[in-house]
Amino acid sequence: MNEFKHNFDVHSFNTRHRADLFPPTITLSKYHKRIKIFNHLPQHIKHLFYNIKKFKAALKKFLLLGSFYTLDEYYDWNSMSDLGTLI
């Protein structure tokens, strides 16, 4: 997480995607894949990145309930209601 900046580090606008990771200027695909995966997480999980213990617990619960078999399935989920009782 220390390698990446967040949108709120780059600008001061209070947008709904301010907790998303800001893509670095380098063109390495491994960084872009990691950023894309993080940015598709639900907002309440992204806001836990400062507390690694809570972040890992919430992420594990989300992934177990989602049962994503491919990255495409993960990218295509629409809302928390798709995942049942995760909230």
PDB file of N, CA and C in Angstrom:
ATOM      1  N   MET A   1       0.821  -1.196   0.000  1.00  0.00           N
ATOM      2  CA  MET A   1       0.000   0.000   0.000  1.00  0.00           C
ATOM      3  C   MET A   1       0.865   1.260   0.000  1.00  0.00           C
ATOM      4  N   ASN A   2       2.077   1.166   0.508  1.00  0.00           N
ATOM      5  CA  ASN A   2       2.933   2.350   0.558  1.00  0.00           C
ATOM      6  C   ASN A   2       3.437   2.758  -0.814  1.00  0.00           C
ATOM      7  N   GLU A   3       3.366   1.852  -1.778  1.00  0.00           N
ATOM      8  CA  GLU A   3       3.840   2.147  -3.127  1.00  0.00           C
ATOM      9  C   GLU A   3       2.848   2.979  -3.927  1.00  0.00           C
ATOM     10  N   PHE A   4       1.600   3.040  -3.485  1.00  0.00           N
ATOM     11  CA  PHE A   4       0.553   3.670  -4.269  1.00  0.00           C
ATOM     12  C   PHE A   4       0.041   4.931  -3.589  1.00  0.00           C
ATOM     13  N   LYS A   5      -0.488   5.842  -4.391  1.00  0.00           N
ATOM     14  CA  LYS A   5      -1.170   7.029  -3.890  1.00  0.00           C
ATOM     15  C   LYS A   5      -2.666   6.804  -4.049  1.00  0.00           C
ATOM     16  N   HIS A   6      -3.437   7.490  -3.226  1.00  0.00           N
ATOM     17  CA  HIS A   6      -4.887   7.471  -3.367  1.00  0.00           C
ATOM     18  C   HIS A   6      -5.333   8.750  -4.047  1.00  0.00           C
ATOM     19  N   ASN A   7      -6.535   8.740  -4.570  1.00  0.00           N
ATOM     20  CA  ASN A   7      -7.045   9.937  -5.244  1.00  0.00           C
ATOM     21  C   ASN A   7      -7.071  11.138  -4.309  1.00  0.00           C
ATOM     22  N   PHE A   8      -7.353  10.931  -3.012  1.00  0.00           N
ATOM     23  CA  PHE A   8      -7.399  12.077  -2.104  1.00  0.00           C
ATOM     24  C   PHE A   8      -6.003  12.635  -1.822  1.00  0.00           C
ATOM     25  N   ASP A   9      -4.943  11.893  -2.161  1.00  0.00           N
ATOM     26  CA  ASP A   9      -3.586  12.431  -2.058  1.00  0.00           C
ATOM     27  C   ASP A   9      -3.247  13.324  -3.245  1.00  0.00           C
ATOM     28  N   VAL A  10      -3.936  13.115  -4.364  1.00  0.00           N
ATOM     29  CA  VAL A  10      -3.635  13.830  -5.596  1.00  0.00           C
ATOM     30  C   VAL A  10      -4.452  15.120  -5.710  1.00  0.00           C
ATOM     31  N   HIS A  11      -5.705  15.087  -5.256  1.00  0.00           N
ATOM     32  CA  HIS A  11      -6.551  16.282  -5.317  1.00  0.00           C
ATOM     33  C   HIS A  11      -7.395  16.368  -4.058  1.00  0.00           C
ATOM     34  N   SER A  12      -7.951  17.528  -3.817  1.00  0.00           N
ATOM     35  CA  SER A  12      -8.703  17.757  -2.580  1.00  0.00           C
ATOM     36  C   SER A  12     -10.215  17.682  -2.773  1.00  0.00           C
ATOM     37  N   PHE A  13     -10.667  17.266  -3.929  1.00  0.00           N
ATOM     38  CA  PHE A  13     -12.099  17.176  -4.185  1.00  0.00           C
ATOM     39  C   PHE A  13     -12.693  15.977  -3.461  1.00  0.00           C
ATOM     40  N   ASN A  14     -13.847  16.154  -2.859  1.00  0.00           N
ATOM     41  CA  ASN A  14     -14.515  15.090  -2.122  1.00  0.00           C
ATOM     42  C   ASN A  14     -15.412  14.306  -3.081  1.00  0.00           C
ATOM     43  N   THR A  15     -14.821  13.346  -3.779  1.00  0.00           N
ATOM     44  CA  THR A  15     -15.565  12.543  -4.744  1.00  0.00           C
ATOM     45  C   THR A  15     -15.843  11.164  -4.167  1.00  0.00           C
ATOM     46  N   ARG A  16     -16.727  10.429  -4.794  1.00  0.00           N
ATOM     47  CA  ARG A  16     -17.053   9.089  -4.292  1.00  0.00           C
ATOM     48  C   ARG A  16     -15.924   8.093  -4.537  1.00  0.00           C
ATOM     49  N   HIS A  17     -14.998   8.422  -5.412  1.00  0.00           N
ATOM     50  CA  HIS A  17     -13.869   7.529  -5.697  1.00  0.00           C
ATOM     51  C   HIS A  17     -12.572   8.028  -5.065  1.00  0.00           C
ATOM     52  N   ARG A  18     -12.678   8.845  -4.031  1.00  0.00           N
ATOM     53  CA  ARG A  18     -11.481   9.408  -3.430  1.00  0.00           C
ATOM     54  C   ARG A  18     -10.633   8.356  -2.717  1.00  0.00           C
ATOM     55  N   ALA A  19     -11.222   7.216  -2.332  1.00  0.00           N
ATOM     56  CA  ALA A  19     -10.467   6.151  -1.675  1.00  0.00           C
ATOM     57  C   ALA A  19      -9.821   5.200  -2.680  1.00  0.00           C
ATOM     58  N   ASP A  20     -10.105   5.376  -3.957  1.00  0.00           N
ATOM     59  CA  ASP A  20      -9.501   4.526  -4.983  1.00  0.00           C
ATOM     60  C   ASP A  20      -8.019   4.848  -5.120  1.00  0.00           C
ATOM     61  N   LEU A  21      -7.291   3.882  -5.629  1.00  0.00           N
ATOM     62  CA  LEU A  21      -5.871   4.093  -5.866  1.00  0.00           C
ATOM     63  C   LEU A  21      -5.671   4.883  -7.147  1.00  0.00           C
ATOM     64  N   PHE A  22      -4.732   5.778  -7.112  1.00  0.00           N
ATOM     65  CA  PHE A  22      -4.389   6.588  -8.271  1.00  0.00           C
ATOM     66  C   PHE A  22      -3.339   5.839  -9.079  1.00  0.00           C
ATOM     67  N   PRO A  23      -3.569   5.612 -10.373  1.00  0.00           N
ATOM     68  CA  PRO A  23      -2.614   4.843 -11.172  1.00  0.00           C
ATOM     69  C   PRO A  23      -1.278   5.573 -11.293  1.00  0.00           C
ATOM     70  N   PRO A  24      -0.174   4.863 -11.093  1.00  0.00           N
ATOM     71  CA  PRO A  24       1.135   5.513 -11.236  1.00  0.00           C
ATOM     72  C   PRO A  24       1.432   5.821 -12.698  1.00  0.00           C
ATOM     73  N   THR A  25       2.400   6.664 -12.907  1.00  0.00           N
ATOM     74  CA  THR A  25       2.743   7.036 -14.279  1.00  0.00           C
ATOM     75  C   THR A  25       3.533   5.949 -14.993  1.00  0.00           C
ATOM     76  N   ILE A  26       4.033   4.972 -14.256  1.00  0.00           N
ATOM     77  CA  ILE A  26       4.743   3.876 -14.900  1.00  0.00           C
ATOM     78  C   ILE A  26       3.750   2.965 -15.611  1.00  0.00           C
ATOM     79  N   THR A  27       4.206   2.235 -16.573  1.00  0.00           N
ATOM     80  CA  THR A  27       3.305   1.427 -17.385  1.00  0.00           C
ATOM     81  C   THR A  27       3.440  -0.058 -17.110  1.00  0.00           C
ATOM     82  N   LEU A  28       3.860  -0.437 -15.922  1.00  0.00           N
ATOM     83  CA  LEU A  28       3.961  -1.853 -15.607  1.00  0.00           C
ATOM     84  C   LEU A  28       2.578  -2.434 -15.393  1.00  0.00           C
ATOM     85  N   SER A  29       2.287  -3.512 -16.079  1.00  0.00           N
ATOM     86  CA  SER A  29       0.945  -4.082 -16.018  1.00  0.00           C
ATOM     87  C   SER A  29       0.627  -4.664 -14.648  1.00  0.00           C
ATOM     88  N   LYS A  30       1.635  -5.119 -13.911  1.00  0.00           N
ATOM     89  CA  LYS A  30       1.349  -5.706 -12.607  1.00  0.00           C
ATOM     90  C   LYS A  30       0.782  -4.654 -11.651  1.00  0.00           C
ATOM     91  N   TYR A  31       1.249  -3.426 -11.748  1.00  0.00           N
ATOM     92  CA  TYR A  31       0.710  -2.365 -10.896  1.00  0.00           C
ATOM     93  C   TYR A  31      -0.717  -2.006 -11.304  1.00  0.00           C
ATOM     94  N   HIS A  32      -0.962  -1.943 -12.590  1.00  0.00           N
ATOM     95  CA  HIS A  32      -2.301  -1.602 -13.067  1.00  0.00           C
ATOM     96  C   HIS A  32      -3.312  -2.679 -12.693  1.00  0.00           C
ATOM     97  N   LYS A  33      -2.910  -3.950 -12.713  1.00  0.00           N
ATOM     98  CA  LYS A  33      -3.809  -5.031 -12.314  1.00  0.00           C
ATOM     99  C   LYS A  33      -4.140  -4.934 -10.834  1.00  0.00           C
ATOM    100  N   ARG A  34      -3.135  -4.651 -10.000  1.00  0.00           N
ATOM    101  CA  ARG A  34      -3.365  -4.517  -8.562  1.00  0.00           C
ATOM    102  C   ARG A  34      -4.281  -3.348  -8.261  1.00  0.00           C
ATOM    103  N   ILE A  35      -4.072  -2.248  -8.951  1.00  0.00           N
ATOM    104  CA  ILE A  35      -4.908  -1.065  -8.736  1.00  0.00           C
ATOM    105  C   ILE A  35      -6.336  -1.347  -9.165  1.00  0.00           C
ATOM    106  N   LYS A  36      -6.511  -2.016 -10.294  1.00  0.00           N
ATOM    107  CA  LYS A  36      -7.859  -2.326 -10.779  1.00  0.00           C
ATOM    108  C   LYS A  36      -8.594  -3.236  -9.791  1.00  0.00           C
ATOM    109  N   ILE A  37      -7.898  -4.215  -9.238  1.00  0.00           N
ATOM    110  CA  ILE A  37      -8.513  -5.115  -8.265  1.00  0.00           C
ATOM    111  C   ILE A  37      -8.923  -4.339  -7.019  1.00  0.00           C
ATOM    112  N   PHE A  38      -8.038  -3.489  -6.502  1.00  0.00           N
ATOM    113  CA  PHE A  38      -8.347  -2.702  -5.309  1.00  0.00           C
ATOM    114  C   PHE A  38      -9.509  -1.749  -5.562  1.00  0.00           C
ATOM    115  N   ASN A  39      -9.518  -1.090  -6.713  1.00  0.00           N
ATOM    116  CA  ASN A  39     -10.553  -0.102  -7.009  1.00  0.00           C
ATOM    117  C   ASN A  39     -11.932  -0.723  -7.185  1.00  0.00           C
ATOM    118  N   HIS A  40     -12.019  -2.024  -7.444  1.00  0.00           N
ATOM    119  CA  HIS A  40     -13.308  -2.688  -7.580  1.00  0.00           C
ATOM    120  C   HIS A  40     -13.849  -3.201  -6.250  1.00  0.00           C
ATOM    121  N   LEU A  41     -13.107  -3.033  -5.175  1.00  0.00           N
ATOM    122  CA  LEU A  41     -13.602  -3.438  -3.861  1.00  0.00           C
ATOM    123  C   LEU A  41     -14.732  -2.518  -3.424  1.00  0.00           C
ATOM    124  N   PRO A  42     -15.636  -3.010  -2.581  1.00  0.00           N
ATOM    125  CA  PRO A  42     -16.676  -2.135  -2.031  1.00  0.00           C
ATOM    126  C   PRO A  42     -16.043  -1.007  -1.211  1.00  0.00           C
ATOM    127  N   GLN A  43     -16.727   0.129  -1.159  1.00  0.00           N
ATOM    128  CA  GLN A  43     -16.193   1.307  -0.485  1.00  0.00           C
ATOM    129  C   GLN A  43     -15.857   1.036   0.977  1.00  0.00           C
ATOM    130  N   HIS A  44     -16.713   0.300   1.682  1.00  0.00           N
ATOM    131  CA  HIS A  44     -16.466   0.110   3.115  1.00  0.00           C
ATOM    132  C   HIS A  44     -15.207  -0.718   3.372  1.00  0.00           C
ATOM    133  N   ILE A  45     -14.797  -1.538   2.427  1.00  0.00           N
ATOM    134  CA  ILE A  45     -13.556  -2.305   2.586  1.00  0.00           C
ATOM    135  C   ILE A  45     -12.350  -1.429   2.245  1.00  0.00           C
ATOM    136  N   LYS A  46     -12.480  -0.611   1.201  1.00  0.00           N
ATOM    137  CA  LYS A  46     -11.375   0.267   0.826  1.00  0.00           C
ATOM    138  C   LYS A  46     -11.021   1.237   1.949  1.00  0.00           C
ATOM    139  N   HIS A  47     -12.008   1.668   2.712  1.00  0.00           N
ATOM    140  CA  HIS A  47     -11.760   2.623   3.785  1.00  0.00           C
ATOM    141  C   HIS A  47     -11.048   1.990   4.975  1.00  0.00           C
ATOM    142  N   LEU A  48     -10.927   0.678   4.998  1.00  0.00           N
ATOM    143  CA  LEU A  48     -10.256  -0.012   6.097  1.00  0.00           C
ATOM    144  C   LEU A  48      -8.768  -0.240   5.845  1.00  0.00           C
ATOM    145  N   PHE A  49      -8.213   0.283   4.751  1.00  0.00           N
ATOM    146  CA  PHE A  49      -6.837  -0.045   4.406  1.00  0.00           C
ATOM    147  C   PHE A  49      -5.831   0.469   5.428  1.00  0.00           C
ATOM    148  N   TYR A  50      -6.201   1.420   6.277  1.00  0.00           N
ATOM    149  CA  TYR A  50      -5.281   1.898   7.316  1.00  0.00           C
ATOM    150  C   TYR A  50      -5.139   0.893   8.454  1.00  0.00           C
ATOM    151  N   ASN A  51      -6.166   0.092   8.671  1.00  0.00           N
ATOM    152  CA  ASN A  51      -6.125  -0.923   9.722  1.00  0.00           C
ATOM    153  C   ASN A  51      -6.033  -2.282   9.034  1.00  0.00           C
ATOM    154  N   ILE A  52      -4.839  -2.803   8.909  1.00  0.00           N
ATOM    155  CA  ILE A  52      -4.598  -4.006   8.101  1.00  0.00           C
ATOM    156  C   ILE A  52      -5.365  -5.211   8.623  1.00  0.00           C
ATOM    157  N   LYS A  53      -5.530  -5.312   9.933  1.00  0.00           N
ATOM    158  CA  LYS A  53      -6.248  -6.446  10.511  1.00  0.00           C
ATOM    159  C   LYS A  53      -7.721  -6.438  10.087  1.00  0.00           C
ATOM    160  N   LYS A  54      -8.366  -5.284  10.214  1.00  0.00           N
ATOM    161  CA  LYS A  54      -9.776  -5.166   9.811  1.00  0.00           C
ATOM    162  C   LYS A  54      -9.924  -5.296   8.302  1.00  0.00           C
ATOM    163  N   PHE A  55      -8.952  -4.755   7.558  1.00  0.00           N
ATOM    164  CA  PHE A  55      -8.991  -4.846   6.099  1.00  0.00           C
ATOM    165  C   PHE A  55      -8.942  -6.296   5.652  1.00  0.00           C
ATOM    166  N   LYS A  56      -8.025  -7.068   6.214  1.00  0.00           N
ATOM    167  CA  LYS A  56      -7.900  -8.479   5.835  1.00  0.00           C
ATOM    168  C   LYS A  56      -9.150  -9.267   6.188  1.00  0.00           C
ATOM    169  N   ALA A  57      -9.731  -9.011   7.372  1.00  0.00           N
ATOM    170  CA  ALA A  57     -10.939  -9.723   7.790  1.00  0.00           C
ATOM    171  C   ALA A  57     -12.114  -9.405   6.867  1.00  0.00           C
ATOM    172  N   ALA A  58     -12.297  -8.122   6.548  1.00  0.00           N
ATOM    173  CA  ALA A  58     -13.392  -7.722   5.668  1.00  0.00           C
ATOM    174  C   ALA A  58     -13.185  -8.254   4.257  1.00  0.00           C
ATOM    175  N   LEU A  59     -11.945  -8.223   3.777  1.00  0.00           N
ATOM    176  CA  LEU A  59     -11.644  -8.731   2.439  1.00  0.00           C
ATOM    177  C   LEU A  59     -11.896 -10.228   2.355  1.00  0.00           C
ATOM    178  N   LYS A  60     -11.484 -10.962   3.370  1.00  0.00           N
ATOM    179  CA  LYS A  60     -11.693 -12.413   3.384  1.00  0.00           C
ATOM    180  C   LYS A  60     -13.186 -12.733   3.362  1.00  0.00           C
ATOM    181  N   LYS A  61     -13.963 -12.026   4.179  1.00  0.00           N
ATOM    182  CA  LYS A  61     -15.405 -12.252   4.225  1.00  0.00           C
ATOM    183  C   LYS A  61     -16.049 -11.950   2.872  1.00  0.00           C
ATOM    184  N   PHE A  62     -15.638 -10.843   2.264  1.00  0.00           N
ATOM    185  CA  PHE A  62     -16.157 -10.450   0.957  1.00  0.00           C
ATOM    186  C   PHE A  62     -15.845 -11.499  -0.100  1.00  0.00           C
ATOM    187  N   LEU A  63     -14.607 -11.978  -0.139  1.00  0.00           N
ATOM    188  CA  LEU A  63     -14.210 -12.952  -1.157  1.00  0.00           C
ATOM    189  C   LEU A  63     -14.862 -14.313  -0.936  1.00  0.00           C
ATOM    190  N   LEU A  64     -15.043 -14.709   0.315  1.00  0.00           N
ATOM    191  CA  LEU A  64     -15.706 -15.987   0.585  1.00  0.00           C
ATOM    192  C   LEU A  64     -17.181 -15.940   0.204  1.00  0.00           C
ATOM    193  N   LEU A  65     -17.843 -14.839   0.508  1.00  0.00           N
ATOM    194  CA  LEU A  65     -19.254 -14.728   0.150  1.00  0.00           C
ATOM    195  C   LEU A  65     -19.452 -14.551  -1.348  1.00  0.00           C
ATOM    196  N   GLY A  66     -18.491 -13.897  -1.997  1.00  0.00           N
ATOM    197  CA  GLY A  66     -18.601 -13.683  -3.438  1.00  0.00           C
ATOM    198  C   GLY A  66     -18.299 -14.926  -4.240  1.00  0.00           C
ATOM    199  N   SER A  67     -17.425 -15.778  -3.730  1.00  0.00           N
ATOM    200  CA  SER A  67     -17.003 -16.999  -4.429  1.00  0.00           C
ATOM    201  C   SER A  67     -16.669 -16.714  -5.890  1.00  0.00           C
ATOM    202  N   PHE A  68     -15.784 -15.764  -6.112  1.00  0.00           N
ATOM    203  CA  PHE A  68     -15.368 -15.406  -7.465  1.00  0.00           C
ATOM    204  C   PHE A  68     -14.368 -16.448  -7.959  1.00  0.00           C
ATOM    205  N   TYR A  69     -14.643 -17.015  -9.127  1.00  0.00           N
ATOM    206  CA  TYR A  69     -13.759 -18.035  -9.690  1.00  0.00           C
ATOM    207  C   TYR A  69     -12.781 -17.454 -10.690  1.00  0.00           C
ATOM    208  N   THR A  70     -13.105 -16.302 -11.232  1.00  0.00           N
ATOM    209  CA  THR A  70     -12.212 -15.631 -12.171  1.00  0.00           C
ATOM    210  C   THR A  70     -12.216 -14.139 -11.864  1.00  0.00           C
ATOM    211  N   LEU A  71     -11.231 -13.446 -12.389  1.00  0.00           N
ATOM    212  CA  LEU A  71     -11.216 -11.987 -12.221  1.00  0.00           C
ATOM    213  C   LEU A  71     -12.384 -11.340 -12.944  1.00  0.00           C
ATOM    214  N   ASP A  72     -12.808 -11.928 -14.067  1.00  0.00           N
ATOM    215  CA  ASP A  72     -13.956 -11.375 -14.789  1.00  0.00           C
ATOM    216  C   ASP A  72     -15.219 -11.408 -13.936  1.00  0.00           C
ATOM    217  N   GLU A  73     -15.429 -12.501 -13.190  1.00  0.00           N
ATOM    218  CA  GLU A  73     -16.583 -12.570 -12.290  1.00  0.00           C
ATOM    219  C   GLU A  73     -16.483 -11.496 -11.214  1.00  0.00           C
ATOM    220  N   TYR A  74     -15.288 -11.305 -10.693  1.00  0.00           N
ATOM    221  CA  TYR A  74     -15.070 -10.292  -9.667  1.00  0.00           C
ATOM    222  C   TYR A  74     -15.363  -8.898 -10.220  1.00  0.00           C
ATOM    223  N   TYR A  75     -14.881  -8.595 -11.420  1.00  0.00           N
ATOM    224  CA  TYR A  75     -15.109  -7.275 -12.009  1.00  0.00           C
ATOM    225  C   TYR A  75     -16.566  -7.040 -12.368  1.00  0.00           C
ATOM    226  N   ASP A  76     -17.324  -8.123 -12.606  1.00  0.00           N
ATOM    227  CA  ASP A  76     -18.709  -7.990 -13.067  1.00  0.00           C
ATOM    228  C   ASP A  76     -19.754  -7.911 -11.956  1.00  0.00           C
ATOM    229  N   TRP A  77     -19.358  -8.137 -10.694  1.00  0.00           N
ATOM    230  CA  TRP A  77     -20.377  -8.050  -9.650  1.00  0.00           C
ATOM    231  C   TRP A  77     -20.850  -6.608  -9.562  1.00  0.00           C
ATOM    232  N   ASN A  78     -22.144  -6.424  -9.342  1.00  0.00           N
ATOM    233  CA  ASN A  78     -22.748  -5.099  -9.434  1.00  0.00           C
ATOM    234  C   ASN A  78     -22.930  -4.398  -8.106  1.00  0.00           C
ATOM    235  N   SER A  79     -23.389  -5.107  -7.110  1.00  0.00           N
ATOM    236  CA  SER A  79     -23.701  -4.426  -5.852  1.00  0.00           C
ATOM    237  C   SER A  79     -23.590  -5.401  -4.706  1.00  0.00           C
ATOM    238  N   MET A  80     -23.693  -4.881  -3.509  1.00  0.00           N
ATOM    239  CA  MET A  80     -23.620  -5.721  -2.322  1.00  0.00           C
ATOM    240  C   MET A  80     -24.819  -6.661  -2.263  1.00  0.00           C
ATOM    241  N   SER A  81     -25.942  -6.283  -2.856  1.00  0.00           N
ATOM    242  CA  SER A  81     -27.111  -7.174  -2.840  1.00  0.00           C
ATOM    243  C   SER A  81     -26.846  -8.440  -3.633  1.00  0.00           C
ATOM    244  N   ASP A  82     -25.896  -8.381  -4.567  1.00  0.00           N
ATOM    245  CA  ASP A  82     -25.515  -9.570  -5.320  1.00  0.00           C
ATOM    246  C   ASP A  82     -24.865 -10.608  -4.411  1.00  0.00           C
ATOM    247  N   LEU A  83     -24.295 -10.170  -3.311  1.00  0.00           N
ATOM    248  CA  LEU A  83     -23.546 -11.058  -2.443  1.00  0.00           C
ATOM    249  C   LEU A  83     -24.330 -11.483  -1.215  1.00  0.00           C
ATOM    250  N   GLY A  84     -25.581 -11.181  -1.160  1.00  0.00           N
ATOM    251  CA  GLY A  84     -26.421 -11.662  -0.058  1.00  0.00           C
ATOM    252  C   GLY A  84     -26.237 -10.875   1.214  1.00  0.00           C
ATOM    253  N   THR A  85     -25.817 -11.558   2.268  1.00  0.00           N
ATOM    254  CA  THR A  85     -25.807 -10.960   3.597  1.00  0.00           C
ATOM    255  C   THR A  85     -24.449 -10.380   4.002  1.00  0.00           C
ATOM    256  N   LEU A  86     -23.678  -9.927   3.056  1.00  0.00           N
ATOM    257  CA  LEU A  86     -22.358  -9.415   3.387  1.00  0.00           C
ATOM    258  C   LEU A  86     -22.421  -8.141   4.219  1.00  0.00           C
ATOM    259  N   ILE A  87     -23.406  -7.323   3.982  1.00  0.00           N
ATOM    260  CA  ILE A  87     -23.468  -6.028   4.671  1.00  0.00           C
ATOM    261  C   ILE A  87     -23.645  -6.166   6.125  1.00  0.00           C
TER     262      ILE A  87
END
